[in-house]
Amino acid sequence: MHPKTASPHTPCIHVLHDYNRTPLTPPRCNFYDHSNVDGLRASFYSAAARALDETQRRARAAAGASAGATTSAATGAAAAVPRRVAASPEAAARSFDAAVAYRVVHAPFVYLRGAPDTLAPMVAIAVAGEVLQMSAERDGWLCTARPVAGGGERGWALRDGALLGLGTLLEACDV
């Protein structure tokens, strides 16, 4: 231990700083480097999406929003509880002959859910510009051709968000 160190519990960084008598420069962390901007953005969007989704799902559950959002008579504005959009229980999934490519056109992202319902848990997100391979459609919801989550779950994405006031979310495209 360096003679100027007061105790063995003093952090090493203080010992080095005192010993060398020079200011410390922390090692460069590439987490903020330009090369990792996309990873940082994806991490931020994923965390924000999960928090927003959980808040909205709790609001729907608390309000008993199974019938959808209400509107204010005075302003005509949508209430704080988002509308529920779900595939009809009677609607059968229509499988595609081959996977069809869809591009996310809604920014900043769309939710991929565990079932074709806005109340279903979020399993992942797809960011604007991302191309997804879809294998089936059910009542306006598209199912991913491959699992999207670590647990092997496929995701369901709403194709058109008009009922939510969002417009087109996904468009078919050529890859």
Protein backbone atom coordinates (compact mmCIF):
# COMPACT_ATOMS: atom_id res chain seq x y z
CA MET A 1 0.00 0.00 0.00
CA HIS A 2 1.25 3.48 -0.82
CA PRO A 3 2.33 5.46 2.27
CA LYS A 4 -0.16 8.25 1.56
CA THR A 5 -3.11 5.85 1.49
CA ALA A 6 -5.13 6.24 4.66
CA SER A 7 -6.73 2.81 4.77
CA PRO A 8 -6.86 -0.41 2.79
CA HIS A 9 -10.48 0.49 1.88
CA THR A 10 -9.51 3.64 -0.02
CA PRO A 11 -10.48 3.13 -3.68
CA CYS A 12 -7.60 2.33 -5.97
CA ILE A 13 -8.35 5.28 -8.20
CA HIS A 14 -7.56 7.69 -5.37
CA VAL A 15 -4.29 5.91 -4.63
CA LEU A 16 -3.21 6.12 -8.25
CA HIS A 17 -4.20 9.76 -8.48
CA ASP A 18 -2.35 10.66 -5.29
CA TYR A 19 0.65 8.54 -6.18
CA ASN A 20 1.11 9.88 -9.71
CA ARG A 21 0.14 13.46 -8.86
CA THR A 22 -1.55 13.73 -12.25
CA PRO A 23 -5.21 14.00 -13.13
CA LEU A 24 -6.80 10.74 -14.09
CA THR A 25 -8.23 10.14 -17.52
CA PRO A 26 -10.76 7.33 -17.37
CA PRO A 27 -10.37 4.61 -19.97
CA ARG A 28 -12.34 5.33 -23.11
CA CYS A 29 -15.67 3.56 -23.16
CA ASN A 30 -16.93 2.73 -26.64
CA PHE A 31 -20.54 2.63 -25.38
CA TYR A 32 -20.84 6.24 -26.58
CA ASP A 33 -18.69 5.85 -29.68
CA HIS A 34 -20.24 6.58 -33.05
CA SER A 35 -19.88 2.90 -33.95
CA ASN A 36 -22.41 1.96 -31.25
CA VAL A 37 -25.06 4.61 -31.87
CA ASP A 38 -27.50 2.10 -33.35
CA GLY A 39 -27.08 -0.24 -30.38
CA LEU A 40 -27.56 2.63 -27.95
CA ARG A 41 -30.65 3.82 -29.84
CA ALA A 42 -32.14 0.30 -29.88
CA SER A 43 -31.48 -0.09 -26.16
CA PHE A 44 -33.13 3.27 -25.42
CA TYR A 45 -36.16 2.54 -27.61
CA SER A 46 -36.60 -0.90 -26.09
CA ALA A 47 -36.49 0.43 -22.51
CA ALA A 48 -38.81 3.34 -23.35
CA ALA A 49 -41.21 1.05 -25.21
CA ARG A 50 -41.42 -1.40 -22.31
CA ALA A 51 -42.09 1.41 -19.82
CA LEU A 52 -44.70 3.03 -22.06
CA ASP A 53 -46.38 -0.29 -22.80
CA GLU A 54 -46.57 -1.20 -19.11
CA THR A 55 -48.03 2.22 -18.24
CA GLN A 56 -50.65 1.96 -20.98
CA ARG A 57 -51.59 -1.62 -20.08
CA ARG A 58 -52.05 -0.63 -16.43
CA ALA A 59 -54.19 2.35 -17.43
CA ARG A 60 -56.39 0.12 -19.61
CA ALA A 61 -56.76 -2.45 -16.87
CA ALA A 62 -57.59 0.16 -14.26
CA ALA A 63 -60.19 1.79 -16.49
CA GLY A 64 -61.68 -1.48 -17.70
CA ALA A 65 -60.96 -0.34 -21.23
CA SER A 66 -62.00 -3.52 -22.99
CA ALA A 67 -64.51 -1.47 -25.02
CA GLY A 68 -61.88 1.07 -26.12
CA ALA A 69 -61.02 4.65 -25.33
CA THR A 70 -63.66 7.23 -24.63
CA THR A 71 -63.74 10.76 -25.96
CA SER A 72 -64.34 13.96 -24.13
CA ALA A 73 -67.70 15.52 -25.07
CA ALA A 74 -66.26 19.02 -24.68
CA THR A 75 -63.13 18.65 -26.80
CA GLY A 76 -63.62 15.43 -28.75
CA ALA A 77 -60.08 14.48 -27.70
CA ALA A 78 -59.21 10.92 -26.83
CA ALA A 79 -59.05 10.09 -23.15
CA ALA A 80 -55.76 9.11 -21.51
CA VAL A 81 -56.56 5.40 -21.83
CA PRO A 82 -55.52 4.17 -25.30
CA ARG A 83 -58.00 2.16 -27.33
CA ARG A 84 -57.74 -1.61 -27.32
CA VAL A 85 -57.29 -3.20 -30.73
CA ALA A 86 -57.50 -6.99 -30.89
CA ALA A 87 -58.05 -9.63 -33.53
CA SER A 88 -61.50 -11.12 -33.39
CA PRO A 89 -61.54 -14.46 -31.53
CA GLU A 90 -63.45 -15.91 -34.48
CA ALA A 91 -60.93 -14.71 -37.07
CA ALA A 92 -58.61 -17.44 -38.29
CA ALA A 93 -54.98 -16.70 -39.07
CA ARG A 94 -54.28 -16.78 -42.80
CA SER A 95 -50.85 -18.28 -43.44
CA PHE A 96 -48.83 -16.95 -46.36
CA ASP A 97 -47.37 -19.39 -48.92
CA ALA A 98 -43.96 -17.86 -48.26
CA ALA A 99 -42.75 -15.21 -45.84
CA VAL A 100 -43.67 -11.69 -46.93
CA ALA A 101 -41.40 -8.71 -46.22
CA TYR A 102 -42.92 -5.72 -44.42
CA ARG A 103 -41.09 -2.47 -43.64
CA VAL A 104 -41.82 -0.54 -40.44
CA VAL A 105 -43.00 2.89 -41.64
CA HIS A 106 -44.14 4.27 -38.28
CA ALA A 107 -41.49 6.13 -36.29
CA PRO A 108 -39.88 5.59 -33.93
CA PHE A 109 -41.02 1.93 -33.57
CA VAL A 110 -43.88 -0.54 -33.51
CA TYR A 111 -44.61 -3.12 -30.82
CA LEU A 112 -44.30 -6.84 -31.45
CA ARG A 113 -46.70 -8.56 -29.06
CA GLY A 114 -47.22 -12.11 -27.85
CA ALA A 115 -50.74 -12.19 -29.34
CA PRO A 116 -52.74 -10.07 -31.81
CA ASP A 117 -54.03 -7.70 -29.14
CA THR A 118 -52.80 -4.37 -27.76
CA LEU A 119 -53.30 -5.83 -24.27
CA ALA A 120 -50.93 -8.73 -25.01
CA PRO A 121 -47.44 -8.47 -23.52
CA MET A 122 -44.77 -6.81 -25.62
CA VAL A 123 -42.11 -9.31 -26.72
CA ALA A 124 -39.96 -6.91 -28.78
CA ILE A 125 -40.05 -3.77 -30.89
CA ALA A 126 -39.18 -3.08 -34.52
CA VAL A 127 -37.72 0.34 -35.32
CA ALA A 128 -38.66 2.52 -38.30
CA GLY A 129 -37.03 1.27 -41.48
CA GLU A 130 -36.58 -2.28 -40.20
CA VAL A 131 -37.78 -5.05 -42.51
CA LEU A 132 -39.68 -7.94 -40.93
CA GLN A 133 -40.49 -11.29 -42.48
CA MET A 134 -44.12 -12.14 -41.79
CA SER A 135 -45.76 -15.56 -42.15
CA ALA A 136 -49.44 -14.98 -41.36
CA GLU A 137 -52.16 -12.38 -40.93
CA ARG A 138 -55.09 -12.38 -38.56
CA ASP A 139 -57.66 -9.59 -38.59
CA GLY A 140 -55.13 -6.84 -39.43
CA TRP A 141 -52.30 -8.26 -37.31
CA LEU A 142 -49.17 -9.76 -38.89
CA CYS A 143 -47.18 -12.61 -37.32
CA THR A 144 -43.40 -12.79 -37.67
CA ALA A 145 -42.00 -15.74 -39.59
CA ARG A 146 -39.27 -16.30 -36.99
CA PRO A 147 -39.10 -15.92 -33.21
CA VAL A 148 -38.27 -12.38 -32.09
CA ALA A 149 -37.66 -12.89 -28.40
CA GLY A 150 -35.01 -14.82 -26.50
CA GLY A 151 -37.69 -17.29 -25.39
CA GLY A 152 -38.50 -18.27 -28.97
CA GLU A 153 -41.77 -16.33 -29.19
CA ARG A 154 -43.06 -14.99 -32.47
CA GLY A 155 -44.34 -11.44 -32.49
CA TRP A 156 -47.60 -9.96 -33.71
CA ALA A 157 -47.62 -6.42 -35.16
CA LEU A 158 -50.62 -4.31 -36.08
CA ARG A 159 -50.42 -3.42 -39.80
CA ASP A 160 -52.60 -0.31 -39.71
CA GLY A 161 -52.84 1.86 -36.60
CA ALA A 162 -55.78 3.98 -37.82
CA LEU A 163 -57.93 2.81 -34.89
CA LEU A 164 -55.21 4.15 -32.58
CA GLY A 165 -54.82 7.41 -34.51
CA LEU A 166 -51.42 6.34 -35.87
CA GLY A 167 -51.97 5.59 -39.56
CA THR A 168 -50.03 2.91 -41.43
CA LEU A 169 -47.50 1.05 -39.29
CA LEU A 170 -46.19 -1.61 -41.71
CA GLU A 171 -46.08 -1.72 -45.52
CA ALA A 172 -45.32 -4.68 -47.77
CA CYS A 173 -42.00 -4.22 -49.55
CA ASP A 174 -39.50 -5.93 -51.84
CA VAL A 175 -36.32 -6.86 -50.07
